[in-house]
Amino acid sequence: MKNKIHVKKGDTVIVLSGKDKNKKGKVIRTFPGNSMVLVEGVNMVKKHVRPRPPMQQGGIINQEAPIHSSKVMLICSKCGKPSKTKITVYENGAKDRACKKCGEVIDSIRGPKK
């Protein structure tokens, strides 16, 4: 069973709590099964990598780790402020995701019914 996440891949978000509070980044990937998101430049962890022949060099690399989706909030592209989203349903069955503060349509969830 999939859980519903309020942000999508490609959204710009701000971190609300934790060690990376107030950092902004783009959502790289979502994990709906456990309500986690991977945000660019947030929750950086060190990973020890073994050398793999013939090209890859071993060592310690920095990479992003997933954080819970409740710790992030979407940033509206028009007003530039963190805000909740609302879903507008039209008569023809189309749905839009919009900013609750300024009303700007963020993206279309689903087109009109055929």
N, C-alpha and C. Protein backbone atom coordinates (compact mmCIF):
# COMPACT_ATOMS: atom_id res chain seq x y z
N MET A 1 0.84 -1.18 0.00
CA MET A 1 0.00 0.00 0.00
C MET A 1 0.89 1.25 0.00
N LYS A 2 0.60 2.17 -0.90
CA LYS A 2 1.39 3.40 -1.01
C LYS A 2 0.85 4.47 -0.08
N ASN A 3 1.76 5.17 0.58
CA ASN A 3 1.39 6.33 1.36
C ASN A 3 1.41 7.54 0.45
N LYS A 4 0.65 8.55 0.80
CA LYS A 4 0.58 9.76 0.00
C LYS A 4 1.59 10.78 0.51
N ILE A 5 2.38 11.34 -0.39
CA ILE A 5 3.37 12.35 -0.02
C ILE A 5 2.96 13.66 -0.67
N HIS A 6 3.05 14.76 0.07
CA HIS A 6 2.59 16.06 -0.40
C HIS A 6 3.56 16.76 -1.35
N VAL A 7 4.75 16.22 -1.55
CA VAL A 7 5.72 16.79 -2.49
C VAL A 7 6.02 15.78 -3.58
N LYS A 8 6.49 16.28 -4.72
CA LYS A 8 6.81 15.43 -5.86
C LYS A 8 8.26 15.62 -6.25
N LYS A 9 8.74 14.75 -7.10
CA LYS A 9 10.08 14.87 -7.65
C LYS A 9 10.18 16.18 -8.44
N GLY A 10 11.24 16.94 -8.18
CA GLY A 10 11.43 18.21 -8.88
C GLY A 10 10.95 19.43 -8.11
N ASP A 11 10.18 19.24 -7.04
CA ASP A 11 9.70 20.36 -6.22
C ASP A 11 10.86 20.96 -5.42
N THR A 12 10.81 22.27 -5.20
CA THR A 12 11.76 22.93 -4.32
C THR A 12 11.15 22.99 -2.94
N VAL A 13 11.90 22.51 -1.94
CA VAL A 13 11.37 22.42 -0.58
C VAL A 13 12.34 23.05 0.41
N ILE A 14 11.83 23.34 1.61
CA ILE A 14 12.64 23.82 2.72
C ILE A 14 12.50 22.83 3.86
N VAL A 15 13.59 22.59 4.58
CA VAL A 15 13.58 21.65 5.70
C VAL A 15 13.09 22.38 6.95
N LEU A 16 12.12 21.81 7.64
CA LEU A 16 11.49 22.45 8.80
C LEU A 16 12.18 22.14 10.12
N SER A 17 12.80 20.98 10.25
CA SER A 17 13.42 20.61 11.52
C SER A 17 14.59 19.68 11.29
N GLY A 18 15.42 19.54 12.33
CA GLY A 18 16.56 18.65 12.26
C GLY A 18 17.85 19.41 12.05
N LYS A 19 18.93 18.67 11.77
CA LYS A 19 20.25 19.28 11.64
C LYS A 19 20.37 20.20 10.42
N ASP A 20 19.52 20.01 9.43
CA ASP A 20 19.57 20.83 8.21
C ASP A 20 18.41 21.82 8.13
N LYS A 21 17.93 22.28 9.28
CA LYS A 21 16.79 23.20 9.34
C LYS A 21 17.08 24.45 8.50
N ASN A 22 16.07 24.93 7.77
CA ASN A 22 16.09 26.11 6.91
C ASN A 22 16.92 25.94 5.63
N LYS A 23 17.39 24.76 5.32
CA LYS A 23 18.08 24.53 4.05
C LYS A 23 17.05 24.30 2.95
N LYS A 24 17.35 24.82 1.77
CA LYS A 24 16.47 24.63 0.63
C LYS A 24 17.13 23.66 -0.35
N GLY A 25 16.30 22.90 -1.06
CA GLY A 25 16.82 21.97 -2.04
C GLY A 25 15.71 21.42 -2.91
N LYS A 26 16.11 20.71 -3.95
CA LYS A 26 15.18 20.12 -4.89
C LYS A 26 14.98 18.65 -4.53
N VAL A 27 13.74 18.16 -4.63
CA VAL A 27 13.45 16.76 -4.35
C VAL A 27 13.98 15.92 -5.51
N ILE A 28 14.90 15.01 -5.18
CA ILE A 28 15.50 14.14 -6.19
C ILE A 28 14.64 12.90 -6.41
N ARG A 29 14.13 12.35 -5.30
CA ARG A 29 13.37 11.11 -5.39
C ARG A 29 12.44 11.01 -4.19
N THR A 30 11.31 10.34 -4.37
CA THR A 30 10.38 10.10 -3.26
C THR A 30 10.27 8.61 -3.00
N PHE A 31 10.06 8.25 -1.74
CA PHE A 31 9.86 6.87 -1.33
C PHE A 31 8.51 6.78 -0.62
N PRO A 32 7.41 6.59 -1.35
CA PRO A 32 6.08 6.61 -0.76
C PRO A 32 5.85 5.49 0.25
N GLY A 33 6.53 4.36 0.10
CA GLY A 33 6.34 3.22 1.00
C GLY A 33 6.61 3.55 2.45
N ASN A 34 7.63 4.38 2.70
CA ASN A 34 7.92 4.76 4.08
C ASN A 34 7.94 6.28 4.28
N SER A 35 7.25 7.01 3.41
CA SER A 35 7.05 8.47 3.52
C SER A 35 8.36 9.24 3.63
N MET A 36 9.34 8.89 2.81
CA MET A 36 10.64 9.56 2.83
C MET A 36 10.87 10.27 1.50
N VAL A 37 11.69 11.33 1.55
CA VAL A 37 12.10 12.04 0.34
C VAL A 37 13.61 12.24 0.36
N LEU A 38 14.20 12.28 -0.82
CA LEU A 38 15.63 12.53 -0.97
C LEU A 38 15.76 13.94 -1.52
N VAL A 39 16.39 14.84 -0.74
CA VAL A 39 16.50 16.25 -1.10
C VAL A 39 17.96 16.57 -1.40
N GLU A 40 18.18 17.30 -2.48
CA GLU A 40 19.52 17.66 -2.94
C GLU A 40 20.24 18.52 -1.90
N GLY A 41 21.41 18.06 -1.44
CA GLY A 41 22.24 18.82 -0.51
C GLY A 41 21.78 18.79 0.94
N VAL A 42 20.82 17.95 1.28
CA VAL A 42 20.28 17.88 2.64
C VAL A 42 20.53 16.48 3.21
N ASN A 43 20.82 16.41 4.51
CA ASN A 43 21.08 15.16 5.22
C ASN A 43 22.24 14.39 4.59
N MET A 44 23.36 15.09 4.44
CA MET A 44 24.55 14.48 3.84
C MET A 44 25.19 13.51 4.83
N VAL A 45 25.50 12.30 4.34
CA VAL A 45 26.16 11.28 5.15
C VAL A 45 27.41 10.80 4.42
N LYS A 46 28.34 10.25 5.18
CA LYS A 46 29.56 9.71 4.60
C LYS A 46 29.36 8.23 4.37
N LYS A 47 29.78 7.76 3.19
CA LYS A 47 29.65 6.35 2.85
C LYS A 47 31.02 5.82 2.46
N HIS A 48 31.39 4.68 3.01
CA HIS A 48 32.66 4.05 2.70
C HIS A 48 32.45 3.13 1.51
N VAL A 49 33.23 3.34 0.44
CA VAL A 49 33.06 2.60 -0.80
C VAL A 49 34.31 1.79 -1.10
N ARG A 50 34.13 0.53 -1.43
CA ARG A 50 35.25 -0.32 -1.81
C ARG A 50 35.61 -0.06 -3.27
N PRO A 51 36.87 -0.18 -3.63
CA PRO A 51 37.24 -0.01 -5.04
C PRO A 51 36.69 -1.17 -5.87
N ARG A 52 36.13 -0.84 -7.01
CA ARG A 52 35.59 -1.84 -7.94
C ARG A 52 36.39 -1.75 -9.24
N PRO A 53 36.94 -2.84 -9.68
CA PRO A 53 37.72 -2.80 -10.92
C PRO A 53 36.81 -2.55 -12.11
N PRO A 54 37.25 -1.97 -13.19
CA PRO A 54 38.60 -1.44 -13.37
C PRO A 54 38.70 0.05 -13.07
N MET A 55 37.57 0.80 -12.96
CA MET A 55 37.64 2.26 -12.95
C MET A 55 37.43 2.91 -11.58
N GLN A 56 36.48 2.42 -10.79
CA GLN A 56 36.08 3.15 -9.58
C GLN A 56 37.15 3.08 -8.50
N GLN A 57 37.39 4.23 -7.89
CA GLN A 57 38.36 4.33 -6.81
C GLN A 57 37.61 4.21 -5.48
N GLY A 58 38.23 3.56 -4.51
CA GLY A 58 37.62 3.41 -3.19
C GLY A 58 37.84 4.66 -2.35
N GLY A 59 37.15 4.73 -1.23
CA GLY A 59 37.33 5.86 -0.32
C GLY A 59 36.03 6.22 0.36
N ILE A 60 36.00 7.42 0.90
CA ILE A 60 34.82 7.92 1.61
C ILE A 60 34.16 8.97 0.74
N ILE A 61 32.87 8.78 0.46
CA ILE A 61 32.13 9.76 -0.36
C ILE A 61 30.99 10.35 0.46
N ASN A 62 30.58 11.55 0.09
CA ASN A 62 29.42 12.21 0.70
C ASN A 62 28.23 12.01 -0.21
N GLN A 63 27.09 11.64 0.37
CA GLN A 63 25.87 11.50 -0.42
C GLN A 63 24.66 11.84 0.43
N GLU A 64 23.54 12.13 -0.23
CA GLU A 64 22.31 12.47 0.47
C GLU A 64 21.65 11.20 1.01
N ALA A 65 21.01 11.34 2.16
CA ALA A 65 20.20 10.26 2.73
C ALA A 65 18.77 10.75 2.82
N PRO A 66 17.79 9.85 2.73
CA PRO A 66 16.39 10.27 2.79
C PRO A 66 16.01 10.85 4.15
N ILE A 67 15.06 11.80 4.12
CA ILE A 67 14.47 12.33 5.35
C ILE A 67 12.96 12.17 5.26
N HIS A 68 12.29 12.23 6.39
CA HIS A 68 10.84 12.03 6.41
C HIS A 68 10.14 13.20 5.73
N SER A 69 9.08 12.90 4.99
CA SER A 69 8.39 13.94 4.22
C SER A 69 7.71 14.98 5.10
N SER A 70 7.43 14.66 6.36
CA SER A 70 6.80 15.62 7.25
C SER A 70 7.77 16.72 7.68
N LYS A 71 9.06 16.53 7.44
CA LYS A 71 10.07 17.54 7.81
C LYS A 71 10.31 18.56 6.71
N VAL A 72 9.64 18.43 5.56
CA VAL A 72 9.84 19.38 4.47
C VAL A 72 8.53 20.05 4.09
N MET A 73 8.65 21.27 3.55
CA MET A 73 7.48 22.01 3.09
C MET A 73 7.79 22.61 1.72
N LEU A 74 6.83 22.55 0.84
CA LEU A 74 6.96 23.05 -0.51
C LEU A 74 7.14 24.56 -0.54
N ILE A 75 8.02 25.06 -1.42
CA ILE A 75 8.20 26.50 -1.61
C ILE A 75 7.50 26.88 -2.91
N CYS A 76 6.58 27.84 -2.83
CA CYS A 76 5.83 28.30 -4.00
C CYS A 76 6.77 29.02 -4.95
N SER A 77 6.64 28.75 -6.24
CA SER A 77 7.51 29.39 -7.24
C SER A 77 7.15 30.85 -7.48
N LYS A 78 5.89 31.24 -7.23
CA LYS A 78 5.47 32.62 -7.46
C LYS A 78 5.80 33.52 -6.26
N CYS A 79 5.30 33.15 -5.07
CA CYS A 79 5.50 34.02 -3.90
C CYS A 79 6.81 33.73 -3.18
N GLY A 80 7.43 32.58 -3.44
CA GLY A 80 8.73 32.26 -2.85
C GLY A 80 8.68 31.92 -1.37
N LYS A 81 7.49 31.64 -0.85
CA LYS A 81 7.34 31.34 0.57
C LYS A 81 6.95 29.87 0.74
N PRO A 82 7.34 29.26 1.87
CA PRO A 82 6.87 27.90 2.14
C PRO A 82 5.37 27.92 2.41
N SER A 83 4.65 26.99 1.79
CA SER A 83 3.21 26.97 1.99
C SER A 83 2.66 25.57 1.80
N LYS A 84 1.46 25.38 2.32
CA LYS A 84 0.74 24.14 2.09
C LYS A 84 0.15 24.19 0.69
N THR A 85 -0.34 23.05 0.23
CA THR A 85 -0.96 23.01 -1.08
C THR A 85 -2.42 22.61 -0.97
N LYS A 86 -3.18 23.04 -1.95
CA LYS A 86 -4.58 22.62 -2.03
C LYS A 86 -4.81 22.02 -3.41
N ILE A 87 -5.78 21.14 -3.50
CA ILE A 87 -6.09 20.50 -4.77
C ILE A 87 -7.44 21.02 -5.24
N THR A 88 -7.43 21.57 -6.45
CA THR A 88 -8.66 22.10 -7.06
C THR A 88 -9.15 21.08 -8.07
N VAL A 89 -10.40 20.65 -7.94
CA VAL A 89 -11.01 19.70 -8.86
C VAL A 89 -11.99 20.45 -9.75
N TYR A 90 -11.85 20.30 -11.06
CA TYR A 90 -12.73 20.97 -12.01
C TYR A 90 -13.84 20.03 -12.46
N GLU A 91 -14.86 20.59 -13.12
CA GLU A 91 -16.02 19.81 -13.53
C GLU A 91 -15.67 18.70 -14.52
N ASN A 92 -14.66 18.95 -15.37
CA ASN A 92 -14.30 17.94 -16.37
C ASN A 92 -13.39 16.84 -15.80
N GLY A 93 -13.08 16.90 -14.49
CA GLY A 93 -12.29 15.86 -13.85
C GLY A 93 -10.81 16.19 -13.70
N ALA A 94 -10.39 17.33 -14.22
CA ALA A 94 -8.99 17.73 -14.11
C ALA A 94 -8.71 18.20 -12.69
N LYS A 95 -7.46 17.97 -12.24
CA LYS A 95 -7.05 18.39 -10.91
C LYS A 95 -5.78 19.21 -11.00
N ASP A 96 -5.70 20.26 -10.20
CA ASP A 96 -4.52 21.11 -10.13
C ASP A 96 -4.06 21.19 -8.68
N ARG A 97 -2.75 21.29 -8.51
CA ARG A 97 -2.16 21.51 -7.19
C ARG A 97 -1.79 22.98 -7.12
N ALA A 98 -2.25 23.69 -6.08
CA ALA A 98 -2.05 25.13 -5.99
C ALA A 98 -1.55 25.53 -4.61
N CYS A 99 -0.89 26.69 -4.54
CA CYS A 99 -0.39 27.26 -3.30
C CYS A 99 -1.57 27.81 -2.50
N LYS A 100 -1.61 27.55 -1.19
CA LYS A 100 -2.70 28.06 -0.37
C LYS A 100 -2.55 29.54 -0.05
N LYS A 101 -1.31 30.07 -0.09
CA LYS A 101 -1.10 31.48 0.25
C LYS A 101 -1.47 32.41 -0.89
N CYS A 102 -0.96 32.13 -2.10
CA CYS A 102 -1.20 33.06 -3.21
C CYS A 102 -2.17 32.52 -4.26
N GLY A 103 -2.49 31.23 -4.21
CA GLY A 103 -3.43 30.65 -5.16
C GLY A 103 -2.83 30.26 -6.49
N GLU A 104 -1.52 30.42 -6.67
CA GLU A 104 -0.84 30.09 -7.92
C GLU A 104 -0.87 28.58 -8.15
N VAL A 105 -1.23 28.16 -9.38
CA VAL A 105 -1.25 26.75 -9.74
C VAL A 105 0.19 26.26 -9.89
N ILE A 106 0.55 25.22 -9.13
CA ILE A 106 1.90 24.68 -9.18
C ILE A 106 2.05 23.72 -10.35
N ASP A 107 1.17 22.76 -10.43
CA ASP A 107 1.18 21.85 -11.57
C ASP A 107 -0.16 21.13 -11.67
N SER A 108 -0.36 20.47 -12.81
CA SER A 108 -1.57 19.72 -13.04
C SER A 108 -1.34 18.29 -12.60
N ILE A 109 -2.22 17.78 -11.74
CA ILE A 109 -2.09 16.41 -11.25
C ILE A 109 -2.60 15.43 -12.30
N ARG A 110 -3.75 15.74 -12.85
CA ARG A 110 -4.36 14.83 -13.81
C ARG A 110 -5.17 15.65 -14.80
N GLY A 111 -5.10 15.28 -16.05
CA GLY A 111 -5.82 16.01 -17.09
C GLY A 111 -7.30 15.69 -17.08
N PRO A 112 -8.03 16.22 -18.04
CA PRO A 112 -9.48 15.97 -18.11
C PRO A 112 -9.78 14.52 -18.41
N LYS A 113 -10.96 14.06 -17.94
CA LYS A 113 -11.39 12.69 -18.21
C LYS A 113 -11.71 12.54 -19.69
N LYS A 114 -11.45 11.36 -20.21
CA LYS A 114 -11.72 11.09 -21.64
C LYS A 114 -13.08 10.48 -21.78
